N, C-alpha and C. Protein backbone atom coordinates (compact mmCIF):
# COMPACT_ATOMS: atom_id res chain seq x y z
N UNK A 1 41.00 -17.18 -15.35
CA UNK A 1 40.49 -16.89 -14.02
C UNK A 1 41.01 -17.96 -13.08
N UNK A 2 41.85 -17.60 -12.15
CA UNK A 2 42.45 -18.55 -11.23
C UNK A 2 41.86 -18.37 -9.84
N UNK A 3 41.78 -19.47 -9.13
CA UNK A 3 41.34 -19.40 -7.74
C UNK A 3 42.51 -18.90 -6.89
N UNK A 4 42.20 -18.16 -5.88
CA UNK A 4 43.22 -17.68 -4.94
C UNK A 4 43.28 -18.68 -3.81
N UNK A 5 44.48 -19.13 -3.50
CA UNK A 5 44.64 -20.10 -2.43
C UNK A 5 45.33 -19.44 -1.24
N UNK A 6 44.97 -19.88 -0.06
CA UNK A 6 45.54 -19.38 1.17
C UNK A 6 45.97 -20.59 2.00
N UNK A 7 47.12 -20.51 2.61
CA UNK A 7 47.57 -21.61 3.46
C UNK A 7 47.28 -21.23 4.90
N UNK A 8 46.49 -22.06 5.57
CA UNK A 8 46.09 -21.80 6.94
C UNK A 8 46.24 -23.11 7.71
N UNK A 9 47.07 -23.10 8.74
CA UNK A 9 47.29 -24.31 9.53
C UNK A 9 47.63 -25.52 8.68
N UNK A 10 48.50 -25.30 7.70
CA UNK A 10 49.00 -26.35 6.80
C UNK A 10 47.93 -26.93 5.87
N UNK A 11 46.83 -26.25 5.71
CA UNK A 11 45.77 -26.66 4.79
C UNK A 11 45.64 -25.59 3.71
N UNK A 12 45.50 -26.01 2.48
CA UNK A 12 45.29 -25.06 1.40
C UNK A 12 43.79 -24.80 1.30
N UNK A 13 43.42 -23.53 1.35
CA UNK A 13 42.01 -23.15 1.31
C UNK A 13 41.76 -22.43 -0.02
N UNK A 14 40.81 -22.89 -0.78
CA UNK A 14 40.43 -22.25 -2.03
C UNK A 14 39.41 -21.16 -1.69
N UNK A 15 39.87 -19.91 -1.65
CA UNK A 15 39.00 -18.81 -1.23
C UNK A 15 37.80 -18.63 -2.16
N UNK A 16 38.01 -18.80 -3.47
CA UNK A 16 36.89 -18.66 -4.40
C UNK A 16 35.86 -19.77 -4.14
N UNK A 17 36.35 -20.98 -3.86
CA UNK A 17 35.45 -22.08 -3.56
C UNK A 17 34.64 -21.82 -2.30
N UNK A 18 35.30 -21.26 -1.27
CA UNK A 18 34.59 -20.91 -0.04
C UNK A 18 33.52 -19.87 -0.31
N UNK A 19 33.89 -18.87 -1.11
CA UNK A 19 32.94 -17.80 -1.41
C UNK A 19 31.72 -18.34 -2.16
N UNK A 20 31.97 -19.23 -3.13
CA UNK A 20 30.86 -19.80 -3.89
C UNK A 20 30.00 -20.70 -3.01
N UNK A 21 30.65 -21.40 -2.10
CA UNK A 21 29.90 -22.35 -1.27
C UNK A 21 29.14 -21.67 -0.14
N UNK A 22 29.77 -20.67 0.51
CA UNK A 22 29.17 -20.08 1.70
C UNK A 22 28.77 -18.62 1.55
N UNK A 23 29.16 -17.99 0.47
CA UNK A 23 28.80 -16.59 0.26
C UNK A 23 27.30 -16.43 0.03
N UNK A 24 26.82 -15.25 0.19
CA UNK A 24 25.39 -14.99 0.07
C UNK A 24 24.97 -14.52 -1.31
N UNK A 25 25.89 -14.46 -2.25
CA UNK A 25 25.54 -14.07 -3.60
C UNK A 25 25.47 -12.57 -3.79
N UNK A 26 24.50 -12.14 -4.57
CA UNK A 26 24.34 -10.74 -4.95
C UNK A 26 22.99 -10.24 -4.46
N UNK A 27 22.98 -9.02 -3.97
CA UNK A 27 21.73 -8.39 -3.54
C UNK A 27 21.42 -7.21 -4.45
N UNK A 28 20.19 -7.17 -4.91
CA UNK A 28 19.73 -6.06 -5.74
C UNK A 28 18.57 -5.40 -4.98
N UNK A 29 18.64 -4.10 -4.82
CA UNK A 29 17.55 -3.35 -4.19
C UNK A 29 17.01 -2.37 -5.23
N UNK A 30 15.70 -2.39 -5.39
CA UNK A 30 15.03 -1.54 -6.38
C UNK A 30 13.98 -0.70 -5.66
N UNK A 31 13.92 0.59 -6.00
CA UNK A 31 12.97 1.52 -5.38
C UNK A 31 12.08 2.11 -6.46
N UNK A 32 10.76 2.13 -6.19
CA UNK A 32 9.80 2.80 -7.07
C UNK A 32 8.51 3.00 -6.30
N UNK A 33 7.94 4.19 -6.41
CA UNK A 33 6.69 4.49 -5.72
C UNK A 33 5.48 3.82 -6.35
N UNK A 34 5.62 3.34 -7.58
CA UNK A 34 4.50 2.71 -8.28
C UNK A 34 4.53 1.20 -8.03
N UNK A 35 3.57 0.71 -7.25
CA UNK A 35 3.54 -0.69 -6.84
C UNK A 35 3.48 -1.64 -8.03
N UNK A 36 2.66 -1.30 -9.04
CA UNK A 36 2.53 -2.20 -10.20
C UNK A 36 3.84 -2.29 -10.98
N UNK A 37 4.61 -1.21 -11.03
CA UNK A 37 5.91 -1.22 -11.72
C UNK A 37 6.89 -2.12 -10.97
N UNK A 38 6.88 -2.03 -9.64
CA UNK A 38 7.77 -2.87 -8.85
C UNK A 38 7.52 -4.35 -9.13
N UNK A 39 6.26 -4.72 -9.20
CA UNK A 39 5.92 -6.12 -9.46
C UNK A 39 6.42 -6.57 -10.83
N UNK A 40 6.25 -5.73 -11.84
CA UNK A 40 6.71 -6.07 -13.19
C UNK A 40 8.24 -6.17 -13.25
N UNK A 41 8.92 -5.26 -12.57
CA UNK A 41 10.37 -5.28 -12.55
C UNK A 41 10.85 -6.55 -11.83
N UNK A 42 10.19 -6.91 -10.75
CA UNK A 42 10.53 -8.14 -10.03
C UNK A 42 10.40 -9.37 -10.91
N UNK A 43 9.35 -9.42 -11.71
CA UNK A 43 9.16 -10.54 -12.64
C UNK A 43 10.28 -10.58 -13.68
N UNK A 44 10.68 -9.41 -14.17
CA UNK A 44 11.75 -9.35 -15.16
C UNK A 44 13.07 -9.88 -14.58
N UNK A 45 13.37 -9.48 -13.36
CA UNK A 45 14.60 -9.95 -12.72
C UNK A 45 14.54 -11.45 -12.47
N UNK A 46 13.37 -11.95 -12.08
CA UNK A 46 13.22 -13.40 -11.86
C UNK A 46 13.42 -14.18 -13.16
N UNK A 47 13.04 -13.61 -14.28
CA UNK A 47 13.27 -14.26 -15.57
C UNK A 47 14.76 -14.29 -15.91
N UNK A 48 15.48 -13.26 -15.49
CA UNK A 48 16.91 -13.18 -15.79
C UNK A 48 17.74 -14.15 -14.95
N UNK A 49 17.37 -14.32 -13.68
CA UNK A 49 18.18 -15.10 -12.75
C UNK A 49 17.35 -16.18 -12.09
N UNK A 50 17.69 -17.42 -12.40
CA UNK A 50 16.99 -18.56 -11.80
C UNK A 50 17.22 -18.58 -10.29
N UNK A 51 16.26 -19.08 -9.59
CA UNK A 51 16.37 -19.30 -8.15
C UNK A 51 16.69 -18.05 -7.35
N UNK A 52 16.27 -16.89 -7.83
CA UNK A 52 16.47 -15.69 -7.02
C UNK A 52 15.25 -15.52 -6.11
N UNK A 53 15.48 -14.89 -5.00
CA UNK A 53 14.42 -14.67 -4.02
C UNK A 53 14.05 -13.19 -4.03
N UNK A 54 12.75 -12.91 -4.20
CA UNK A 54 12.28 -11.53 -4.24
C UNK A 54 11.47 -11.25 -2.97
N UNK A 55 11.88 -10.21 -2.25
CA UNK A 55 11.17 -9.80 -1.04
C UNK A 55 10.70 -8.38 -1.25
N UNK A 56 9.41 -8.18 -1.07
CA UNK A 56 8.83 -6.85 -1.28
C UNK A 56 8.68 -6.12 0.05
N UNK A 57 9.16 -4.90 0.12
CA UNK A 57 9.03 -4.05 1.29
C UNK A 57 8.09 -2.92 0.91
N UNK A 58 6.80 -3.12 1.17
CA UNK A 58 5.79 -2.15 0.75
C UNK A 58 5.91 -0.83 1.50
N UNK A 59 6.37 -0.88 2.72
CA UNK A 59 6.49 0.33 3.53
C UNK A 59 7.46 1.33 2.90
N UNK A 60 8.51 0.83 2.27
CA UNK A 60 9.51 1.71 1.67
C UNK A 60 9.51 1.64 0.14
N UNK A 61 8.48 1.00 -0.44
CA UNK A 61 8.37 0.87 -1.90
C UNK A 61 9.63 0.28 -2.51
N UNK A 62 10.08 -0.83 -1.94
CA UNK A 62 11.32 -1.46 -2.39
C UNK A 62 11.13 -2.94 -2.69
N UNK A 63 11.98 -3.42 -3.58
CA UNK A 63 12.15 -4.85 -3.80
C UNK A 63 13.57 -5.19 -3.40
N UNK A 64 13.71 -6.27 -2.66
CA UNK A 64 15.03 -6.79 -2.32
C UNK A 64 15.14 -8.15 -3.00
N UNK A 65 16.13 -8.28 -3.85
CA UNK A 65 16.29 -9.51 -4.62
C UNK A 65 17.62 -10.13 -4.25
N UNK A 66 17.57 -11.39 -3.87
CA UNK A 66 18.77 -12.14 -3.50
C UNK A 66 19.06 -13.14 -4.62
N UNK A 67 20.19 -12.99 -5.29
CA UNK A 67 20.60 -13.92 -6.34
C UNK A 67 21.69 -14.80 -5.73
N UNK A 68 21.35 -16.06 -5.48
CA UNK A 68 22.32 -16.94 -4.83
C UNK A 68 23.23 -17.63 -5.83
N UNK A 69 22.71 -18.02 -6.97
CA UNK A 69 23.54 -18.68 -7.98
C UNK A 69 24.16 -17.59 -8.86
N UNK A 70 25.39 -17.25 -8.57
CA UNK A 70 26.04 -16.15 -9.29
C UNK A 70 26.95 -16.63 -10.41
N UNK A 71 26.88 -17.91 -10.76
CA UNK A 71 27.76 -18.42 -11.82
C UNK A 71 27.47 -17.76 -13.17
N UNK A 72 26.23 -17.33 -13.40
CA UNK A 72 25.88 -16.67 -14.66
C UNK A 72 25.58 -15.19 -14.47
N UNK A 73 25.85 -14.67 -13.27
CA UNK A 73 25.55 -13.27 -12.97
C UNK A 73 26.67 -12.37 -13.45
N UNK A 74 26.32 -11.34 -14.19
CA UNK A 74 27.28 -10.32 -14.61
C UNK A 74 26.80 -8.96 -14.08
N UNK A 75 27.65 -8.30 -13.30
CA UNK A 75 27.27 -6.99 -12.79
C UNK A 75 26.94 -6.04 -13.93
N UNK A 76 27.71 -6.10 -15.00
CA UNK A 76 27.50 -5.18 -16.13
C UNK A 76 26.12 -5.38 -16.75
N UNK A 77 25.71 -6.63 -16.88
CA UNK A 77 24.39 -6.93 -17.45
C UNK A 77 23.27 -6.45 -16.53
N UNK A 78 23.41 -6.71 -15.24
CA UNK A 78 22.39 -6.28 -14.28
C UNK A 78 22.31 -4.76 -14.25
N UNK A 79 23.47 -4.10 -14.23
CA UNK A 79 23.49 -2.63 -14.20
C UNK A 79 22.83 -2.06 -15.45
N UNK A 80 23.17 -2.60 -16.61
CA UNK A 80 22.60 -2.11 -17.86
C UNK A 80 21.08 -2.28 -17.88
N UNK A 81 20.60 -3.44 -17.46
CA UNK A 81 19.16 -3.70 -17.44
C UNK A 81 18.45 -2.74 -16.49
N UNK A 82 18.98 -2.60 -15.27
CA UNK A 82 18.34 -1.72 -14.29
C UNK A 82 18.44 -0.25 -14.68
N UNK A 83 19.54 0.13 -15.28
CA UNK A 83 19.67 1.52 -15.73
C UNK A 83 18.68 1.83 -16.86
N UNK A 84 18.48 0.87 -17.76
CA UNK A 84 17.48 1.05 -18.83
C UNK A 84 16.08 1.21 -18.22
N UNK A 85 15.78 0.38 -17.21
CA UNK A 85 14.48 0.49 -16.54
C UNK A 85 14.34 1.84 -15.82
N UNK A 86 15.45 2.35 -15.32
CA UNK A 86 15.42 3.66 -14.66
C UNK A 86 15.15 4.77 -15.68
N UNK A 87 15.81 4.71 -16.83
CA UNK A 87 15.60 5.70 -17.89
C UNK A 87 14.15 5.65 -18.37
N UNK A 88 13.57 4.46 -18.43
CA UNK A 88 12.18 4.29 -18.85
C UNK A 88 11.19 4.73 -17.77
N UNK A 89 11.67 5.03 -16.57
CA UNK A 89 10.79 5.47 -15.48
C UNK A 89 10.17 4.32 -14.70
N UNK A 90 10.62 3.10 -14.95
CA UNK A 90 10.05 1.94 -14.25
C UNK A 90 10.75 1.67 -12.93
N UNK A 91 11.90 2.30 -12.73
CA UNK A 91 12.67 2.19 -11.50
C UNK A 91 13.14 3.58 -11.13
N UNK A 92 12.97 3.97 -9.86
CA UNK A 92 13.46 5.28 -9.43
C UNK A 92 14.93 5.22 -9.06
N UNK A 93 15.31 4.15 -8.37
CA UNK A 93 16.69 3.99 -7.96
C UNK A 93 16.96 2.51 -7.74
N UNK A 94 18.24 2.12 -7.76
CA UNK A 94 18.59 0.73 -7.54
C UNK A 94 20.02 0.63 -7.01
N UNK A 95 20.30 -0.48 -6.38
CA UNK A 95 21.68 -0.76 -5.96
C UNK A 95 21.95 -2.24 -6.18
N UNK A 96 23.20 -2.55 -6.47
CA UNK A 96 23.64 -3.92 -6.65
C UNK A 96 24.86 -4.10 -5.74
N UNK A 97 24.81 -5.10 -4.88
CA UNK A 97 25.95 -5.32 -4.00
C UNK A 97 26.24 -6.81 -3.89
N UNK A 98 27.49 -7.11 -3.64
CA UNK A 98 27.92 -8.50 -3.53
C UNK A 98 28.24 -8.80 -2.08
N UNK A 99 27.66 -9.87 -1.59
CA UNK A 99 27.97 -10.31 -0.23
C UNK A 99 29.37 -10.91 -0.23
N UNK A 100 30.04 -10.82 0.89
CA UNK A 100 31.42 -11.25 0.92
C UNK A 100 31.72 -11.96 2.23
N UNK A 101 32.66 -12.85 2.19
CA UNK A 101 33.14 -13.50 3.41
C UNK A 101 34.34 -12.77 3.98
N UNK A 102 34.72 -11.68 3.39
CA UNK A 102 35.91 -10.97 3.82
C UNK A 102 35.64 -10.10 5.02
C-alpha cells in the first residue's frame, strides 16, 4: 500500500496523510423502527470501533455513527456485521460511506 503524492507549488503533498489527518472518517447510518434494537446495535458498533460517536435521530428511527479512527476499519467487516443484523431483523436498513477530501 503506497501513499499517493502530488506536487503542488514545489511541495510534495502526501494525499493519504492529508486524508488521515483531516478526513472525517466513515459514517454508518442504521434504520430500525424498534428503539430498543437501535440502542443494542449502537452498543455493538461501539464495541467494534473505539472512539466512534453515536448520534440517535429518534424522529427518523436512525443511528448515525461517525468512526474517526479508520486505521482498523474494514468496509467488508462492517458490511458483513450490519448485513447479519439485517437478516436477524435487528436492522431494517443501513449505509456505510467514507468522507473524502476530494
